[in-house]
Amino acid sequence: MKKTQNLEQQRKLYDKINKARQTLQDAGYYVWNIYHIEDVKYNYDCTDDEAMQVLEKALDNDGTANQIWESINYFASEMGLKESEI
């Protein structure tokens, strides 16, 4: 019985996350590449807070932001898109 309850809780959480993703996507955000603390904890022995700190430092820094902008520019150019004059 406990396994069934746990699966139901996981299903509800999954549905809630997908609904949030859909809301963001409908507003124009790219939402299919997000990270979870488990992505860190799979490779490192750490607390949830430490894992979140790793994610924050890895994703919220100039190097990562610059790489994303370079990739956006590269693929837009590859697609033949013209730069806006804004």
N, C-alpha and C. Protein backbone atom coordinates (compact mmCIF):
# COMPACT_ATOMS: atom_id res chain seq x y z
N MET A 1 0.83 -1.20 0.00
CA MET A 1 0.00 0.00 0.00
C MET A 1 0.86 1.25 0.00
N LYS A 2 1.94 1.23 0.78
CA LYS A 2 2.82 2.40 0.88
C LYS A 2 3.46 2.73 -0.47
N LYS A 3 3.86 1.68 -1.23
CA LYS A 3 4.46 1.88 -2.54
C LYS A 3 3.47 2.58 -3.48
N THR A 4 2.21 2.18 -3.41
CA THR A 4 1.17 2.77 -4.25
C THR A 4 0.98 4.24 -3.90
N GLN A 5 0.99 4.56 -2.61
CA GLN A 5 0.84 5.96 -2.18
C GLN A 5 2.03 6.78 -2.68
N ASN A 6 3.23 6.23 -2.56
CA ASN A 6 4.42 6.93 -3.01
C ASN A 6 4.37 7.18 -4.51
N LEU A 7 3.95 6.19 -5.28
CA LEU A 7 3.83 6.35 -6.73
C LEU A 7 2.80 7.43 -7.06
N GLU A 8 1.70 7.44 -6.33
CA GLU A 8 0.67 8.44 -6.56
C GLU A 8 1.19 9.84 -6.23
N GLN A 9 1.95 9.97 -5.16
CA GLN A 9 2.55 11.27 -4.81
C GLN A 9 3.53 11.72 -5.89
N GLN A 10 4.34 10.80 -6.39
CA GLN A 10 5.28 11.12 -7.46
C GLN A 10 4.55 11.53 -8.73
N ARG A 11 3.47 10.86 -9.04
CA ARG A 11 2.68 11.18 -10.23
C ARG A 11 2.08 12.59 -10.10
N LYS A 12 1.57 12.92 -8.92
CA LYS A 12 0.99 14.24 -8.69
C LYS A 12 2.07 15.32 -8.81
N LEU A 13 3.24 15.07 -8.25
CA LEU A 13 4.34 16.03 -8.35
C LEU A 13 4.77 16.20 -9.80
N TYR A 14 4.88 15.10 -10.53
CA TYR A 14 5.26 15.14 -11.94
C TYR A 14 4.25 15.96 -12.74
N ASP A 15 2.96 15.75 -12.47
CA ASP A 15 1.92 16.50 -13.16
C ASP A 15 2.01 17.99 -12.84
N LYS A 16 2.29 18.31 -11.59
CA LYS A 16 2.43 19.70 -11.16
C LYS A 16 3.62 20.37 -11.86
N ILE A 17 4.73 19.66 -11.96
CA ILE A 17 5.93 20.17 -12.63
C ILE A 17 5.65 20.39 -14.11
N ASN A 18 5.00 19.42 -14.74
CA ASN A 18 4.67 19.57 -16.17
C ASN A 18 3.72 20.73 -16.41
N LYS A 19 2.78 20.95 -15.50
CA LYS A 19 1.87 22.07 -15.64
C LYS A 19 2.64 23.39 -15.53
N ALA A 20 3.58 23.46 -14.61
CA ALA A 20 4.41 24.67 -14.47
C ALA A 20 5.26 24.88 -15.72
N ARG A 21 5.84 23.82 -16.22
CA ARG A 21 6.63 23.91 -17.46
C ARG A 21 5.78 24.42 -18.62
N GLN A 22 4.58 23.88 -18.74
CA GLN A 22 3.69 24.28 -19.83
C GLN A 22 3.31 25.76 -19.70
N THR A 23 3.08 26.23 -18.49
CA THR A 23 2.76 27.64 -18.26
C THR A 23 3.92 28.51 -18.71
N LEU A 24 5.13 28.15 -18.34
CA LEU A 24 6.30 28.91 -18.76
C LEU A 24 6.51 28.84 -20.27
N GLN A 25 6.34 27.66 -20.86
CA GLN A 25 6.50 27.52 -22.30
C GLN A 25 5.48 28.37 -23.04
N ASP A 26 4.25 28.38 -22.56
CA ASP A 26 3.21 29.20 -23.18
C ASP A 26 3.55 30.68 -23.13
N ALA A 27 4.36 31.08 -22.14
CA ALA A 27 4.78 32.47 -22.00
C ALA A 27 6.07 32.76 -22.78
N GLY A 28 6.58 31.76 -23.52
CA GLY A 28 7.74 31.98 -24.38
C GLY A 28 9.07 31.51 -23.82
N TYR A 29 9.08 30.80 -22.71
CA TYR A 29 10.33 30.33 -22.12
C TYR A 29 10.67 28.93 -22.63
N TYR A 30 11.97 28.67 -22.78
CA TYR A 30 12.46 27.32 -23.09
C TYR A 30 12.62 26.59 -21.76
N VAL A 31 11.95 25.47 -21.62
CA VAL A 31 11.91 24.83 -20.31
C VAL A 31 12.36 23.37 -20.29
N TRP A 32 12.93 22.89 -21.39
CA TRP A 32 13.22 21.45 -21.44
C TRP A 32 14.63 21.09 -21.00
N ASN A 33 15.38 22.03 -20.54
CA ASN A 33 16.72 21.74 -20.05
C ASN A 33 16.87 22.37 -18.66
N ILE A 34 16.28 21.71 -17.70
CA ILE A 34 16.38 22.19 -16.33
C ILE A 34 17.08 21.12 -15.49
N TYR A 35 17.67 21.55 -14.42
CA TYR A 35 18.45 20.64 -13.59
C TYR A 35 17.82 20.49 -12.21
N HIS A 36 18.10 19.37 -11.59
CA HIS A 36 17.57 19.03 -10.28
C HIS A 36 18.74 18.72 -9.35
N ILE A 37 18.54 18.90 -8.07
CA ILE A 37 19.61 18.61 -7.11
C ILE A 37 20.10 17.17 -7.23
N GLU A 38 19.22 16.27 -7.66
CA GLU A 38 19.63 14.87 -7.83
C GLU A 38 20.69 14.72 -8.92
N ASP A 39 20.72 15.66 -9.88
CA ASP A 39 21.77 15.62 -10.91
C ASP A 39 23.15 15.78 -10.27
N VAL A 40 23.23 16.54 -9.22
CA VAL A 40 24.49 16.73 -8.49
C VAL A 40 24.71 15.58 -7.52
N LYS A 41 23.67 15.23 -6.78
CA LYS A 41 23.79 14.21 -5.74
C LYS A 41 24.10 12.82 -6.31
N TYR A 42 23.78 12.61 -7.59
CA TYR A 42 24.10 11.33 -8.23
C TYR A 42 25.61 11.12 -8.27
N ASN A 43 26.36 12.22 -8.43
CA ASN A 43 27.82 12.12 -8.55
C ASN A 43 28.59 12.54 -7.31
N TYR A 44 27.93 13.21 -6.38
CA TYR A 44 28.62 13.74 -5.20
C TYR A 44 27.82 13.46 -3.94
N ASP A 45 28.55 13.19 -2.85
CA ASP A 45 27.92 13.04 -1.55
C ASP A 45 27.75 14.44 -0.99
N CYS A 46 26.51 14.92 -0.94
CA CYS A 46 26.26 16.26 -0.45
C CYS A 46 24.81 16.38 0.01
N THR A 47 24.55 17.46 0.72
CA THR A 47 23.19 17.72 1.17
C THR A 47 22.39 18.35 0.03
N ASP A 48 21.10 18.45 0.21
CA ASP A 48 20.26 19.13 -0.78
C ASP A 48 20.70 20.58 -0.96
N ASP A 49 20.99 21.24 0.16
CA ASP A 49 21.43 22.65 0.10
C ASP A 49 22.75 22.79 -0.66
N GLU A 50 23.69 21.90 -0.39
CA GLU A 50 24.97 21.95 -1.10
C GLU A 50 24.78 21.70 -2.59
N ALA A 51 23.91 20.75 -2.92
CA ALA A 51 23.64 20.45 -4.33
C ALA A 51 23.03 21.67 -5.02
N MET A 52 22.11 22.35 -4.34
CA MET A 52 21.50 23.55 -4.91
C MET A 52 22.55 24.64 -5.10
N GLN A 53 23.48 24.78 -4.16
CA GLN A 53 24.55 25.76 -4.30
C GLN A 53 25.42 25.46 -5.52
N VAL A 54 25.71 24.18 -5.74
CA VAL A 54 26.49 23.79 -6.91
C VAL A 54 25.75 24.19 -8.18
N LEU A 55 24.45 23.88 -8.24
CA LEU A 55 23.67 24.24 -9.42
C LEU A 55 23.64 25.74 -9.64
N GLU A 56 23.45 26.49 -8.58
CA GLU A 56 23.42 27.95 -8.69
C GLU A 56 24.73 28.49 -9.23
N LYS A 57 25.84 27.99 -8.70
CA LYS A 57 27.15 28.47 -9.16
C LYS A 57 27.44 28.02 -10.59
N ALA A 58 27.03 26.81 -10.94
CA ALA A 58 27.30 26.30 -12.28
C ALA A 58 26.46 27.00 -13.34
N LEU A 59 25.23 27.34 -13.00
CA LEU A 59 24.31 27.87 -14.00
C LEU A 59 24.18 29.39 -13.98
N ASP A 60 24.48 30.01 -12.87
CA ASP A 60 24.31 31.46 -12.75
C ASP A 60 25.67 32.14 -12.69
N ASN A 61 26.39 32.08 -13.79
CA ASN A 61 27.70 32.73 -13.85
C ASN A 61 27.93 33.24 -15.27
N ASP A 62 28.85 34.16 -15.41
CA ASP A 62 29.10 34.78 -16.71
C ASP A 62 29.53 33.78 -17.77
N GLY A 63 30.36 32.81 -17.41
CA GLY A 63 30.84 31.84 -18.38
C GLY A 63 29.70 31.05 -19.01
N THR A 64 28.77 30.57 -18.19
CA THR A 64 27.63 29.82 -18.70
C THR A 64 26.75 30.71 -19.56
N ALA A 65 26.46 31.91 -19.07
CA ALA A 65 25.62 32.85 -19.82
C ALA A 65 26.25 33.19 -21.17
N ASN A 66 27.56 33.45 -21.17
CA ASN A 66 28.24 33.76 -22.43
C ASN A 66 28.17 32.59 -23.42
N GLN A 67 28.35 31.38 -22.92
CA GLN A 67 28.29 30.21 -23.79
C GLN A 67 26.90 30.05 -24.40
N ILE A 68 25.87 30.31 -23.61
CA ILE A 68 24.50 30.20 -24.13
C ILE A 68 24.27 31.24 -25.23
N TRP A 69 24.70 32.50 -24.98
CA TRP A 69 24.52 33.54 -26.00
C TRP A 69 25.31 33.24 -27.26
N GLU A 70 26.51 32.70 -27.12
CA GLU A 70 27.30 32.31 -28.29
C GLU A 70 26.58 31.22 -29.08
N SER A 71 26.00 30.26 -28.37
CA SER A 71 25.26 29.18 -29.04
C SER A 71 24.01 29.71 -29.73
N ILE A 72 23.30 30.61 -29.07
CA ILE A 72 22.12 31.21 -29.69
C ILE A 72 22.51 31.91 -30.98
N ASN A 73 23.57 32.71 -30.91
CA ASN A 73 24.03 33.43 -32.11
C ASN A 73 24.46 32.46 -33.21
N TYR A 74 25.18 31.42 -32.83
CA TYR A 74 25.66 30.44 -33.81
C TYR A 74 24.49 29.77 -34.54
N PHE A 75 23.53 29.25 -33.77
CA PHE A 75 22.44 28.51 -34.40
C PHE A 75 21.48 29.41 -35.15
N ALA A 76 21.28 30.63 -34.67
CA ALA A 76 20.45 31.58 -35.43
C ALA A 76 21.10 31.88 -36.77
N SER A 77 22.43 32.06 -36.77
CA SER A 77 23.17 32.30 -38.00
C SER A 77 23.10 31.10 -38.92
N GLU A 78 23.27 29.89 -38.37
CA GLU A 78 23.18 28.67 -39.17
C GLU A 78 21.81 28.52 -39.84
N MET A 79 20.79 29.03 -39.17
CA MET A 79 19.43 28.95 -39.71
C MET A 79 19.17 30.07 -40.71
N GLY A 80 20.14 30.96 -40.87
CA GLY A 80 19.99 32.06 -41.81
C GLY A 80 19.14 33.21 -41.30
N LEU A 81 18.99 33.30 -39.97
CA LEU A 81 18.19 34.37 -39.41
C LEU A 81 18.97 35.68 -39.45
N LYS A 82 18.27 36.76 -39.72
CA LYS A 82 18.89 38.07 -39.79
C LYS A 82 18.83 38.72 -38.40
N GLU A 83 19.94 39.33 -37.99
CA GLU A 83 19.97 40.04 -36.71
C GLU A 83 19.03 41.23 -36.74
N SER A 84 18.31 41.42 -35.66
CA SER A 84 17.42 42.57 -35.58
C SER A 84 18.25 43.83 -35.34
N GLU A 85 17.68 44.95 -35.66
CA GLU A 85 18.40 46.22 -35.54
C GLU A 85 17.94 47.00 -34.31
N ILE A 86 17.58 46.32 -33.29
CA ILE A 86 17.12 46.96 -32.06
C ILE A 86 18.29 47.48 -31.26
